[in-house]
Structures are given as structure tokens and as C-alpha cells.
């Protein structure tokens, strides 16, 4: 690989020489530019080359290092601890550092939610979003936080108040980011439908946010569609795939009618997959072309495997 150019006029030539601008690195790795800059500025994790005007250029070694960072983050290591592990060639890949920053971060959010402190919830989440990619945030912050909240809300006075407060904030927060991403993306969308007839379904929005963060346009219908209209929506949108989320039992005998006419890959996601685990075999003929996943993370991985993302 050649040395980076001395002048920004040579930037195009530099890309031909193998240097990548930050947007391309973000596309290849799934780590947005804001996070890449935060890793560089706050922790020295990535030190790119600079053009004369200060634009960042990355090489293949940088991309490989970012993948190593993602591997550690995926194991629950706090971003503040990653540099020491990367610099230690003897660091065991199976190391368990006890959850890093996640437990105090979740505790802080739990307290803010209990106090209905929206600005504090928002500021805490924004700080986390600047440091961690969506997949890591979903796995180590949001899904465990939702599980902790559900346990706290069991039979607690004020539970519905907290639930509506937090889930309304979460839908608005993720919805705003999805809207912003959709304005910059072209092509057929992923169609996501809340098929559980329950308002403010957080995991539906997590599925949408993860797909949107992977540069996939998304269209979210936060209410069930009847048989026929689901296929009509998929046709009119020219949907690249259809994702149905439900946390309650589905009417399995009616499933073929609901999905009739849909030619795009179709995923059923959520607790309904576990609820019907013993029943899917009975309806195997109707469901053989379906993809059944129980979590947003599993759904995201399957969408990647299908080439949807």
C-alpha cells in the first residue's frame, strides 16, 4: 500500500491506491462515522491517516482492527478496555470481563426511567450510541434492559406509567433515526409488521433499527394487517422481505391465508416462535418457506444470510 496523499486533490487517486474514506469504512464494517471518530478521539483505538485538509483515510489494517474491536465488543467488553486487549497479543479470546460498562449503564437508565427523566434517558442513550454500534447496543444494553424492566414491572404500582413512558420514547428515538436513514437510502424496503396487536412493541422497532443501520430502507407498520392486505402492502412497496413480529399466539390455521401472494422472503420473529414451537411441525407444509427467529439479533443475522441486508 502506498503512503497517503499529501493533498486533498489526490484523494480520488488515493482511493484507487487502496485508501478508504470514513464513509466507505462505515459501510464495510457497520460502524458509523460518529462512532469511528469517537473511538479515535477518546480511546485511540483507530488512528487513520489524514489528508492535508484533515480528512481521514483508512487502510486494510484499519478495517481489520475495527473487526477485532467488534469481536471484543460482541463479547461484552467495554470500549474503554478494548485497546489494552488489542495491544496484548496474549489476551485470551474467551476472556470474560464481567460485563464492562453495561451493568452500571443499565442501572442508570432504570433509575431515569423510574423517575420519568426523559432528558437523562436520552442523554445516556446518545452517549452509548456514540461509542457502540447498534448490534452491540441491542445485545448488551437494550435487550437486557427490557428484560430487567419487564421483571420490575411485574405487579408493581406505576408499572404501566413507566412502560408507556419508556416505550414511547424508544419508538420515537428509533423512529427518528430510521426516518433520517430512509431519506438517504434508495431501493426496495424491508417491510416490518407488528402482528401481535400490542401497542409500542419495542422489539419490532429494534428489528427495524438494526436493518436501517445496515443501510436497508425499512417500512414499519405498527399494527396488524389482515389476510390479503399484507400481500398488497408487500406488492406496492416491492418489499425485499417481510418481517412479522409477535409476542402472542398466532392463528396458525389462518397463516397460509395471511401469507398468500407474498413472494419475498418472510420471517416470523418474537416469542410467538417459542409459543408455537411444538406446532410448527404440524403446519410444516405451510411454513416450510418461512424463517422462524425468536429475537431481533437472530432475525438480523438471518436477513444478512438471505442477502436482504
C-alpha atoms as a PDB file:
ATOM      1  CA  UNK A   1       0.000   0.000   0.000  1.00  0.00           C
ATOM      2  CA  UNK A   2       1.316   3.467  -0.900  1.00  0.00           C
ATOM      3  CA  UNK A   3       1.663   6.339   1.523  1.00  0.00           C
ATOM      4  CA  UNK A   4      -1.435   8.561   1.799  1.00  0.00           C
ATOM      5  CA  UNK A   5      -1.540  11.657  -0.431  1.00  0.00           C
ATOM      6  CA  UNK A   6      -0.190  14.971   0.732  1.00  0.00           C
ATOM      7  CA  UNK A   7      -3.017  16.988  -0.840  1.00  0.00           C
ATOM      8  CA  UNK A   8      -6.783  16.508  -0.988  1.00  0.00           C
ATOM      9  CA  UNK A   9      -6.648  16.908  -4.775  1.00  0.00           C
ATOM     10  CA  UNK A  10      -5.117  13.433  -4.757  1.00  0.00           C
ATOM     11  CA  UNK A  11      -7.943  11.865  -2.712  1.00  0.00           C
ATOM     12  CA  UNK A  12      -9.503  10.026  -5.667  1.00  0.00           C
ATOM     13  CA  UNK A  13      -6.139   8.594  -6.618  1.00  0.00           C
ATOM     14  CA  UNK A  14      -5.626   7.560  -3.016  1.00  0.00           C
ATOM     15  CA  UNK A  15      -8.832   5.518  -3.111  1.00  0.00           C
ATOM     16  CA  UNK A  16      -7.504   3.735  -6.186  1.00  0.00           C
ATOM     17  CA  UNK A  17      -4.350   3.002  -4.185  1.00  0.00           C
ATOM     18  CA  UNK A  18      -6.419   1.233  -1.539  1.00  0.00           C
ATOM     19  CA  UNK A  19      -7.147   4.050   0.920  1.00  0.00           C
ATOM     20  CA  UNK A  20     -10.755   4.345   2.028  1.00  0.00           C
ATOM     21  CA  UNK A  21     -12.725   7.375   3.243  1.00  0.00           C
ATOM     22  CA  UNK A  22     -14.627   7.094   6.506  1.00  0.00           C
ATOM     23  CA  UNK A  23     -17.999   6.583   4.810  1.00  0.00           C
ATOM     24  CA  UNK A  24     -16.742   3.523   2.934  1.00  0.00           C
ATOM     25  CA  UNK A  25     -15.194   2.078   6.093  1.00  0.00           C
ATOM     26  CA  UNK A  26     -18.517   2.628   7.867  1.00  0.00           C
ATOM     27  CA  UNK A  27     -20.311   0.798   5.054  1.00  0.00           C
ATOM     28  CA  UNK A  28     -17.906  -2.150   5.157  1.00  0.00           C
ATOM     29  CA  UNK A  29     -17.824  -2.554   8.937  1.00  0.00           C
ATOM     30  CA  UNK A  30     -21.266  -1.356  10.055  1.00  0.00           C
ATOM     31  CA  UNK A  31     -19.692   1.147  12.468  1.00  0.00           C
ATOM     32  CA  UNK A  32     -20.989   4.647  11.779  1.00  0.00           C
ATOM     33  CA  UNK A  33     -18.597   7.583  11.284  1.00  0.00           C
ATOM     34  CA  UNK A  34     -19.577   9.229  14.584  1.00  0.00           C
ATOM     35  CA  UNK A  35     -18.513   6.093  16.463  1.00  0.00           C
ATOM     36  CA  UNK A  36     -15.281   5.709  14.483  1.00  0.00           C
ATOM     37  CA  UNK A  37     -14.342   9.297  15.317  1.00  0.00           C
ATOM     38  CA  UNK A  38     -15.227   8.763  18.997  1.00  0.00           C
ATOM     39  CA  UNK A  39     -13.049   5.627  19.151  1.00  0.00           C
ATOM     40  CA  UNK A  40     -10.159   7.639  17.726  1.00  0.00           C
ATOM     41  CA  UNK A  41     -10.649  10.773  19.817  1.00  0.00           C
ATOM     42  CA  UNK A  42     -11.481   9.260  23.197  1.00  0.00           C
ATOM     43  CA  UNK A  43      -9.611   5.963  23.227  1.00  0.00           C
ATOM     44  CA  UNK A  44      -7.028   5.991  20.422  1.00  0.00           C
ATOM     45  CA  UNK A  45      -8.448   2.733  19.115  1.00  0.00           C
ATOM     46  CA  UNK A  46      -8.162   3.695  15.461  1.00  0.00           C
ATOM     47  CA  UNK A  47      -5.614   6.215  14.194  1.00  0.00           C
ATOM     48  CA  UNK A  48      -6.294   6.873  10.497  1.00  0.00           C
ATOM     49  CA  UNK A  49      -4.074   8.711   8.086  1.00  0.00           C
ATOM     50  CA  UNK A  50      -5.023  12.316   7.347  1.00  0.00           C
ATOM     51  CA  UNK A  51      -5.018  14.333   4.136  1.00  0.00           C
ATOM     52  CA  UNK A  52      -3.650  17.855   4.083  1.00  0.00           C
ATOM     53  CA  UNK A  53      -7.133  19.146   4.917  1.00  0.00           C
ATOM     54  CA  UNK A  54      -7.596  16.661   7.739  1.00  0.00           C
ATOM     55  CA  UNK A  55      -9.853  14.130   6.016  1.00  0.00           C
ATOM     56  CA  UNK A  56      -9.478  10.608   7.401  1.00  0.00           C
ATOM     57  CA  UNK A  57      -8.197   7.780   5.210  1.00  0.00           C
ATOM     58  CA  UNK A  58      -8.192   4.122   6.261  1.00  0.00           C
ATOM     59  CA  UNK A  59      -6.307   1.094   5.032  1.00  0.00           C
ATOM     60  CA  UNK A  60      -6.962  -2.630   5.185  1.00  0.00           C
ATOM     61  CA  UNK A  61      -5.118  -2.816   8.506  1.00  0.00           C
ATOM     62  CA  UNK A  62      -7.557  -0.309   9.975  1.00  0.00           C
ATOM     63  CA  UNK A  63     -10.519  -2.319   8.740  1.00  0.00           C
ATOM     64  CA  UNK A  64      -9.071  -5.475  10.284  1.00  0.00           C
ATOM     65  CA  UNK A  65      -8.538  -3.669  13.583  1.00  0.00           C
ATOM     66  CA  UNK A  66     -12.141  -2.458  13.559  1.00  0.00           C
ATOM     67  CA  UNK A  67     -13.282  -6.060  13.090  1.00  0.00           C
ATOM     68  CA  UNK A  68     -11.159  -7.051  16.104  1.00  0.00           C
ATOM     69  CA  UNK A  69     -12.746  -4.261  18.146  1.00  0.00           C
ATOM     70  CA  UNK A  70     -16.208  -5.505  17.171  1.00  0.00           C
ATOM     71  CA  UNK A  71     -15.237  -9.022  18.236  1.00  0.00           C
ATOM     72  CA  UNK A  72     -14.313  -7.800  21.726  1.00  0.00           C
ATOM     73  CA  UNK A  73     -17.417  -5.609  21.994  1.00  0.00           C
ATOM     74  CA  UNK A  74     -19.522  -8.584  20.956  1.00  0.00           C
ATOM     75  CA  UNK A  75     -18.163 -10.453  23.977  1.00  0.00           C
ATOM     76  CA  UNK A  76     -19.424  -7.708  26.268  1.00  0.00           C
ATOM     77  CA  UNK A  77     -16.104  -5.944  26.805  1.00  0.00           C
ATOM     78  CA  UNK A  78     -16.397  -2.211  27.485  1.00  0.00           C
ATOM     79  CA  UNK A  79     -14.951   0.008  24.777  1.00  0.00           C
ATOM     80  CA  UNK A  80     -12.655   1.599  27.373  1.00  0.00           C
ATOM     81  CA  UNK A  81     -10.970  -1.797  27.900  1.00  0.00           C
ATOM     82  CA  UNK A  82     -10.523  -2.828  24.280  1.00  0.00           C
ATOM     83  CA  UNK A  83      -7.256  -1.025  23.473  1.00  0.00           C
ATOM     84  CA  UNK A  84      -5.336  -2.845  26.202  1.00  0.00           C
ATOM     85  CA  UNK A  85      -6.651  -6.170  24.903  1.00  0.00           C
ATOM     86  CA  UNK A  86      -5.730  -5.334  21.313  1.00  0.00           C
ATOM     87  CA  UNK A  87      -2.227  -4.327  22.388  1.00  0.00           C
ATOM     88  CA  UNK A  88      -1.807  -7.536  24.392  1.00  0.00           C
ATOM     89  CA  UNK A  89      -1.093 -10.275  21.894  1.00  0.00           C
ATOM     90  CA  UNK A  90      -1.577 -12.870  24.656  1.00  0.00           C
ATOM     91  CA  UNK A  91      -5.102 -11.735  25.613  1.00  0.00           C
ATOM     92  CA  UNK A  92      -7.328 -14.856  25.550  1.00  0.00           C
ATOM     93  CA  UNK A  93     -10.194 -14.615  23.090  1.00  0.00           C
ATOM     94  CA  UNK A  94     -12.558 -16.208  25.604  1.00  0.00           C
ATOM     95  CA  UNK A  95     -11.869 -13.610  28.300  1.00  0.00           C
ATOM     96  CA  UNK A  96     -14.890 -12.567  30.362  1.00  0.00           C
ATOM     97  CA  UNK A  97     -14.579  -9.133  31.893  1.00  0.00           C
ATOM     98  CA  UNK A  98     -17.841  -9.171  33.813  1.00  0.00           C
ATOM     99  CA  UNK A  99     -19.993  -7.035  31.584  1.00  0.00           C
ATOM    100  CA  UNK A 100     -17.805  -3.931  31.473  1.00  0.00           C
ATOM    101  CA  UNK A 101     -19.793  -0.720  31.457  1.00  0.00           C
ATOM    102  CA  UNK A 102     -23.128  -2.359  30.736  1.00  0.00           C
ATOM    103  CA  UNK A 103     -24.443  -3.079  34.214  1.00  0.00           C
ATOM    104  CA  UNK A 104     -23.988   0.467  35.604  1.00  0.00           C
ATOM    105  CA  UNK A 105     -25.305   1.878  32.331  1.00  0.00           C
ATOM    106  CA  UNK A 106     -28.467  -0.220  32.573  1.00  0.00           C
ATOM    107  CA  UNK A 107     -28.856   0.717  36.240  1.00  0.00           C
ATOM    108  CA  UNK A 108     -28.590   4.393  35.339  1.00  0.00           C
ATOM    109  CA  UNK A 109     -31.271   4.022  32.676  1.00  0.00           C
ATOM    110  CA  UNK A 110     -33.504   2.039  35.029  1.00  0.00           C
ATOM    111  CA  UNK A 111     -33.329   4.846  37.570  1.00  0.00           C
ATOM    112  CA  UNK A 112     -34.002   7.538  34.959  1.00  0.00           C
ATOM    113  CA  UNK A 113     -36.990   5.601  33.605  1.00  0.00           C
ATOM    114  CA  UNK A 114     -38.400   5.209  37.114  1.00  0.00           C
ATOM    115  CA  UNK A 115     -38.141   8.978  37.580  1.00  0.00           C
ATOM    116  CA  UNK A 116     -39.631   9.672  34.108  1.00  0.00           C
ATOM    117  CA  UNK A 117     -36.491  11.706  33.391  1.00  0.00           C
ATOM    118  CA  UNK A 118     -36.672  11.769  29.588  1.00  0.00           C
ATOM    119  CA  UNK A 119     -33.703  14.072  29.030  1.00  0.00           C
ATOM    120  CA  UNK A 120     -31.492  11.863  31.196  1.00  0.00           C
ATOM    121  CA  UNK A 121     -32.646   8.742  29.371  1.00  0.00           C
ATOM    122  CA  UNK A 122     -31.953  10.457  26.057  1.00  0.00           C
ATOM    123  CA  UNK A 123     -28.528  11.796  27.035  1.00  0.00           C
ATOM    124  CA  UNK A 124     -27.414   8.432  28.440  1.00  0.00           C
ATOM    125  CA  UNK A 125     -28.507   6.596  25.304  1.00  0.00           C
ATOM    126  CA  UNK A 126     -26.922   9.193  22.995  1.00  0.00           C
ATOM    127  CA  UNK A 127     -23.590   8.759  24.771  1.00  0.00           C
ATOM    128  CA  UNK A 128     -23.798   4.993  24.336  1.00  0.00           C
ATOM    129  CA  UNK A 129     -24.759   5.329  20.664  1.00  0.00           C
ATOM    130  CA  UNK A 130     -21.656   7.416  20.025  1.00  0.00           C
ATOM    131  CA  UNK A 131     -19.402   4.627  21.322  1.00  0.00           C
ATOM    132  CA  UNK A 132     -21.058   1.366  20.308  1.00  0.00           C
ATOM    133  CA  UNK A 133     -22.550   0.025  17.065  1.00  0.00           C
ATOM    134  CA  UNK A 134     -26.285  -0.853  17.049  1.00  0.00           C
ATOM    135  CA  UNK A 135     -25.744  -4.629  17.235  1.00  0.00           C
ATOM    136  CA  UNK A 136     -23.652  -4.264  20.401  1.00  0.00           C
ATOM    137  CA  UNK A 137     -26.132  -1.821  21.962  1.00  0.00           C
ATOM    138  CA  UNK A 138     -29.019  -4.141  21.187  1.00  0.00           C
ATOM    139  CA  UNK A 139     -27.312  -7.224  22.618  1.00  0.00           C
ATOM    140  CA  UNK A 140     -25.719  -5.767  25.732  1.00  0.00           C
ATOM    141  CA  UNK A 141     -27.856  -2.750  26.603  1.00  0.00           C
ATOM    142  CA  UNK A 142     -31.367  -2.627  25.179  1.00  0.00           C
ATOM    143  CA  UNK A 143     -32.471  -6.274  25.247  1.00  0.00           C
ATOM    144  CA  UNK A 144     -31.147  -6.863  28.809  1.00  0.00           C
ATOM    145  CA  UNK A 145     -32.655  -3.514  29.872  1.00  0.00           C
ATOM    146  CA  UNK A 146     -36.057  -4.527  28.517  1.00  0.00           C
ATOM    147  CA  UNK A 147     -35.813  -7.852  30.360  1.00  0.00           C
ATOM    148  CA  UNK A 148     -34.890  -6.045  33.600  1.00  0.00           C
ATOM    149  CA  UNK A 149     -37.794  -3.651  33.160  1.00  0.00           C
ATOM    150  CA  UNK A 150     -40.274  -6.451  32.499  1.00  0.00           C
ATOM    151  CA  UNK A 151     -39.220  -8.093  35.764  1.00  0.00           C
ATOM    152  CA  UNK A 152     -39.592  -4.804  37.626  1.00  0.00           C
ATOM    153  CA  UNK A 153     -42.979  -4.147  36.089  1.00  0.00           C
ATOM    154  CA  UNK A 154     -44.498  -7.416  37.288  1.00  0.00           C
ATOM    155  CA  UNK A 155     -47.234  -6.356  39.720  1.00  0.00           C
ATOM    156  CA  UNK A 156     -45.623  -3.010  40.530  1.00  0.00           C
ATOM    157  CA  UNK A 157     -47.776   0.075  41.069  1.00  0.00           C
ATOM    158  CA  UNK A 158     -46.800   2.596  38.395  1.00  0.00           C
ATOM    159  CA  UNK A 159     -45.601  -0.111  36.011  1.00  0.00           C
ATOM    160  CA  UNK A 160     -47.907   0.917  33.163  1.00  0.00           C
ATOM    161  CA  UNK A 161     -46.830   4.527  33.582  1.00  0.00           C
ATOM    162  CA  UNK A 162     -43.155   3.575  33.260  1.00  0.00           C
ATOM    163  CA  UNK A 163     -43.893   1.199  30.375  1.00  0.00           C
ATOM    164  CA  UNK A 164     -45.746   3.779  28.298  1.00  0.00           C
ATOM    165  CA  UNK A 165     -43.139   6.450  29.084  1.00  0.00           C
ATOM    166  CA  UNK A 166     -40.130   4.365  28.085  1.00  0.00           C
ATOM    167  CA  UNK A 167     -41.597   2.523  25.108  1.00  0.00           C
ATOM    168  CA  UNK A 168     -42.987   5.768  23.679  1.00  0.00           C
ATOM    169  CA  UNK A 169     -39.537   7.322  23.996  1.00  0.00           C
ATOM    170  CA  UNK A 170     -37.865   4.284  22.428  1.00  0.00           C
ATOM    171  CA  UNK A 171     -40.216   4.216  19.450  1.00  0.00           C
ATOM    172  CA  UNK A 172     -39.749   7.954  18.880  1.00  0.00           C
ATOM    173  CA  UNK A 173     -35.970   7.675  19.215  1.00  0.00           C
ATOM    174  CA  UNK A 174     -35.521   4.745  16.870  1.00  0.00           C
ATOM    175  CA  UNK A 175     -38.238   6.002  14.530  1.00  0.00           C
ATOM    176  CA  UNK A 176     -36.426   9.324  14.095  1.00  0.00           C
ATOM    177  CA  UNK A 177     -33.174   7.572  13.203  1.00  0.00           C
ATOM    178  CA  UNK A 178     -34.981   5.258  10.784  1.00  0.00           C
ATOM    179  CA  UNK A 179     -36.679   8.235   9.127  1.00  0.00           C
ATOM    180  CA  UNK A 180     -33.332  10.005   8.758  1.00  0.00           C
ATOM    181  CA  UNK A 181     -31.706   6.904   7.264  1.00  0.00           C
ATOM    182  CA  UNK A 182     -34.625   6.263   4.891  1.00  0.00           C
ATOM    183  CA  UNK A 183     -34.233   9.782   3.477  1.00  0.00           C
ATOM    184  CA  UNK A 184     -30.691   8.882   2.419  1.00  0.00           C
ATOM    185  CA  UNK A 185     -31.366   5.378   1.104  1.00  0.00           C
ATOM    186  CA  UNK A 186     -32.871   4.124  -2.135  1.00  0.00           C
ATOM    187  CA  UNK A 187     -34.229   0.783  -3.211  1.00  0.00           C
ATOM    188  CA  UNK A 188     -36.900  -1.629  -2.078  1.00  0.00           C
ATOM    189  CA  UNK A 189     -37.595  -1.598   1.672  1.00  0.00           C
ATOM    190  CA  UNK A 190     -37.851  -4.304   4.272  1.00  0.00           C
ATOM    191  CA  UNK A 191     -41.487  -4.395   5.418  1.00  0.00           C
ATOM    192  CA  UNK A 192     -41.949  -4.942   9.172  1.00  0.00           C
ATOM    193  CA  UNK A 193     -45.411  -5.505  10.640  1.00  0.00           C
ATOM    194  CA  UNK A 194     -46.485  -5.635  14.271  1.00  0.00           C
ATOM    195  CA  UNK A 195     -48.652  -8.738  14.117  1.00  0.00           C
ATOM    196  CA  UNK A 196     -49.214  -9.033  17.863  1.00  0.00           C
ATOM    197  CA  UNK A 197     -51.933  -6.383  18.234  1.00  0.00           C
ATOM    198  CA  UNK A 198     -49.981  -4.850  21.140  1.00  0.00           C
ATOM    199  CA  UNK A 199     -49.051  -1.183  21.019  1.00  0.00           C
ATOM    200  CA  UNK A 200     -45.478   0.098  21.378  1.00  0.00           C
ATOM    201  CA  UNK A 201     -43.796  -3.241  20.613  1.00  0.00           C
ATOM    202  CA  UNK A 202     -40.125  -2.431  21.326  1.00  0.00           C
ATOM    203  CA  UNK A 203     -38.527  -5.436  19.621  1.00  0.00           C
ATOM    204  CA  UNK A 204     -40.292  -4.640  16.348  1.00  0.00           C
ATOM    205  CA  UNK A 205     -38.521  -1.288  16.409  1.00  0.00           C
ATOM    206  CA  UNK A 206     -35.218  -2.903  17.361  1.00  0.00           C
ATOM    207  CA  UNK A 207     -35.532  -5.149  14.287  1.00  0.00           C
ATOM    208  CA  UNK A 208     -36.243  -2.090  12.138  1.00  0.00           C
ATOM    209  CA  UNK A 209     -33.388  -0.067  13.641  1.00  0.00           C
ATOM    210  CA  UNK A 210     -30.831  -2.857  13.127  1.00  0.00           C
ATOM    211  CA  UNK A 211     -31.872  -3.254   9.479  1.00  0.00           C
ATOM    212  CA  UNK A 212     -31.880   0.504   8.911  1.00  0.00           C
ATOM    213  CA  UNK A 213     -28.410   0.777  10.462  1.00  0.00           C
ATOM    214  CA  UNK A 214     -27.229  -1.737   7.859  1.00  0.00           C
ATOM    215  CA  UNK A 215     -28.294   0.714   5.120  1.00  0.00           C
ATOM    216  CA  UNK A 216     -31.534  -1.096   4.339  1.00  0.00           C
ATOM    217  CA  UNK A 217     -34.644   1.071   3.803  1.00  0.00           C
ATOM    218  CA  UNK A 218     -37.438  -0.037   6.130  1.00  0.00           C
ATOM    219  CA  UNK A 219     -41.183   0.457   6.305  1.00  0.00           C
ATOM    220  CA  UNK A 220     -42.780  -0.188   9.700  1.00  0.00           C
ATOM    221  CA  UNK A 221     -46.491  -0.949  10.102  1.00  0.00           C
ATOM    222  CA  UNK A 222     -47.087  -0.795  13.842  1.00  0.00           C
ATOM    223  CA  UNK A 223     -50.422  -2.583  13.627  1.00  0.00           C
ATOM    224  CA  UNK A 224     -51.521  -5.953  12.197  1.00  0.00           C
ATOM    225  CA  UNK A 225     -52.625  -6.342   8.588  1.00  0.00           C
ATOM    226  CA  UNK A 226     -55.353  -8.818   7.607  1.00  0.00           C
ATOM    227  CA  UNK A 227     -55.004 -11.546   5.024  1.00  0.00           C
ATOM    228  CA  UNK A 228     -54.722 -10.114   1.532  1.00  0.00           C
ATOM    229  CA  UNK A 229     -53.682  -6.650   2.656  1.00  0.00           C
ATOM    230  CA  UNK A 230     -50.300  -7.886   3.844  1.00  0.00           C
ATOM    231  CA  UNK A 231     -49.572  -9.210   0.347  1.00  0.00           C
ATOM    232  CA  UNK A 232     -50.928  -5.975  -1.125  1.00  0.00           C
ATOM    233  CA  UNK A 233     -48.568  -3.892   1.011  1.00  0.00           C
ATOM    234  CA  UNK A 234     -45.613  -6.098   0.069  1.00  0.00           C
ATOM    235  CA  UNK A 235     -46.512  -5.748  -3.612  1.00  0.00           C
ATOM    236  CA  UNK A 236     -46.972  -1.983  -3.580  1.00  0.00           C
ATOM    237  CA  UNK A 237     -43.752  -1.445  -1.667  1.00  0.00           C
ATOM    238  CA  UNK A 238     -41.923  -4.044  -3.766  1.00  0.00           C
ATOM    239  CA  UNK A 239     -40.642  -5.257  -0.396  1.00  0.00           C
ATOM    240  CA  UNK A 240     -37.306  -7.066  -0.442  1.00  0.00           C
ATOM    241  CA  UNK A 241     -38.514  -9.135   2.554  1.00  0.00           C
ATOM    242  CA  UNK A 242     -41.369  -9.212   5.074  1.00  0.00           C
ATOM    243  CA  UNK A 243     -40.859  -9.477   8.825  1.00  0.00           C
ATOM    244  CA  UNK A 244     -43.810 -10.184  11.125  1.00  0.00           C
ATOM    245  CA  UNK A 245     -43.239  -9.631  14.838  1.00  0.00           C
ATOM    246  CA  UNK A 246     -45.497 -11.099  17.503  1.00  0.00           C
ATOM    247  CA  UNK A 247     -45.211 -11.846  21.186  1.00  0.00           C
ATOM    248  CA  UNK A 248     -48.606 -13.558  21.429  1.00  0.00           C
ATOM    249  CA  UNK A 249     -50.044 -16.733  19.830  1.00  0.00           C
ATOM    250  CA  UNK A 250     -50.852 -16.567  16.127  1.00  0.00           C
ATOM    251  CA  UNK A 251     -53.795 -18.201  14.417  1.00  0.00           C
ATOM    252  CA  UNK A 252     -51.727 -20.859  12.654  1.00  0.00           C
ATOM    253  CA  UNK A 253     -54.574 -22.332  10.560  1.00  0.00           C
ATOM    254  CA  UNK A 254     -55.060 -18.837   9.103  1.00  0.00           C
ATOM    255  CA  UNK A 255     -51.349 -18.361   8.410  1.00  0.00           C
ATOM    256  CA  UNK A 256     -51.461 -19.595   4.771  1.00  0.00           C
ATOM    257  CA  UNK A 257     -54.219 -17.072   4.018  1.00  0.00           C
ATOM    258  CA  UNK A 258     -52.271 -14.288   5.707  1.00  0.00           C
ATOM    259  CA  UNK A 259     -49.138 -15.026   3.681  1.00  0.00           C
ATOM    260  CA  UNK A 260     -50.829 -15.895   0.379  1.00  0.00           C
ATOM    261  CA  UNK A 261     -49.382 -13.951  -2.532  1.00  0.00           C
ATOM    262  CA  UNK A 262     -46.155 -12.938  -0.795  1.00  0.00           C
ATOM    263  CA  UNK A 263     -43.150 -13.933  -2.874  1.00  0.00           C
ATOM    264  CA  UNK A 264     -40.456 -12.151  -0.855  1.00  0.00           C
ATOM    265  CA  UNK A 265     -38.572 -13.929   1.951  1.00  0.00           C
ATOM    266  CA  UNK A 266     -40.791 -13.919   5.042  1.00  0.00           C
ATOM    267  CA  UNK A 267     -39.688 -14.005   8.668  1.00  0.00           C
ATOM    268  CA  UNK A 268     -41.791 -14.559  11.778  1.00  0.00           C
ATOM    269  CA  UNK A 269     -39.989 -13.163  14.784  1.00  0.00           C
ATOM    270  CA  UNK A 270     -40.600 -12.952  18.517  1.00  0.00           C
ATOM    271  CA  UNK A 271     -41.892 -15.030  21.428  1.00  0.00           C
ATOM    272  CA  UNK A 272     -44.640 -16.444  19.179  1.00  0.00           C
ATOM    273  CA  UNK A 273     -41.948 -18.693  17.655  1.00  0.00           C
ATOM    274  CA  UNK A 274     -41.347 -20.272  21.071  1.00  0.00           C
ATOM    275  CA  UNK A 275     -45.049 -20.348  21.920  1.00  0.00           C
ATOM    276  CA  UNK A 276     -45.759 -22.447  18.822  1.00  0.00           C
ATOM    277  CA  UNK A 277     -42.544 -24.462  18.885  1.00  0.00           C
ATOM    278  CA  UNK A 278     -44.435 -27.772  19.080  1.00  0.00           C
ATOM    279  CA  UNK A 279     -46.953 -26.673  16.431  1.00  0.00           C
ATOM    280  CA  UNK A 280     -44.726 -25.623  13.560  1.00  0.00           C
ATOM    281  CA  UNK A 281     -44.105 -29.240  12.500  1.00  0.00           C
ATOM    282  CA  UNK A 282     -47.866 -29.780  12.140  1.00  0.00           C
ATOM    283  CA  UNK A 283     -48.021 -26.826   9.778  1.00  0.00           C
ATOM    284  CA  UNK A 284     -44.711 -27.617   8.112  1.00  0.00           C
ATOM    285  CA  UNK A 285     -46.107 -27.569   4.584  1.00  0.00           C
ATOM    286  CA  UNK A 286     -47.462 -24.068   5.088  1.00  0.00           C
ATOM    287  CA  UNK A 287     -44.378 -22.824   6.900  1.00  0.00           C
ATOM    288  CA  UNK A 288     -41.529 -24.538   5.041  1.00  0.00           C
ATOM    289  CA  UNK A 289     -40.601 -21.312   3.259  1.00  0.00           C
ATOM    290  CA  UNK A 290     -40.783 -19.238   6.443  1.00  0.00           C
ATOM    291  CA  UNK A 291     -37.875 -18.266   8.624  1.00  0.00           C
ATOM    292  CA  UNK A 292     -38.679 -18.538  12.330  1.00  0.00           C
ATOM    293  CA  UNK A 293     -36.498 -16.490  14.714  1.00  0.00           C
ATOM    294  CA  UNK A 294     -37.096 -15.621  18.355  1.00  0.00           C
ATOM    295  CA  UNK A 295     -35.010 -12.440  18.812  1.00  0.00           C
ATOM    296  CA  UNK A 296     -34.160  -9.277  16.847  1.00  0.00           C
ATOM    297  CA  UNK A 297     -30.494 -10.330  16.792  1.00  0.00           C
ATOM    298  CA  UNK A 298     -31.319 -13.721  15.298  1.00  0.00           C
ATOM    299  CA  UNK A 299     -33.605 -12.052  12.747  1.00  0.00           C
ATOM    300  CA  UNK A 300     -30.851  -9.614  11.774  1.00  0.00           C
ATOM    301  CA  UNK A 301     -28.393 -12.454  11.246  1.00  0.00           C
ATOM    302  CA  UNK A 302     -30.889 -14.355   9.081  1.00  0.00           C
ATOM    303  CA  UNK A 303     -31.600 -11.264   6.970  1.00  0.00           C
ATOM    304  CA  UNK A 304     -27.863 -10.999   6.363  1.00  0.00           C
ATOM    305  CA  UNK A 305     -27.673 -14.679   5.401  1.00  0.00           C
ATOM    306  CA  UNK A 306     -30.570 -14.191   2.957  1.00  0.00           C
ATOM    307  CA  UNK A 307     -28.795 -11.239   1.332  1.00  0.00           C
ATOM    308  CA  UNK A 308     -31.570  -8.848   2.346  1.00  0.00           C
ATOM    309  CA  UNK A 309     -29.066  -6.653   4.250  1.00  0.00           C
END
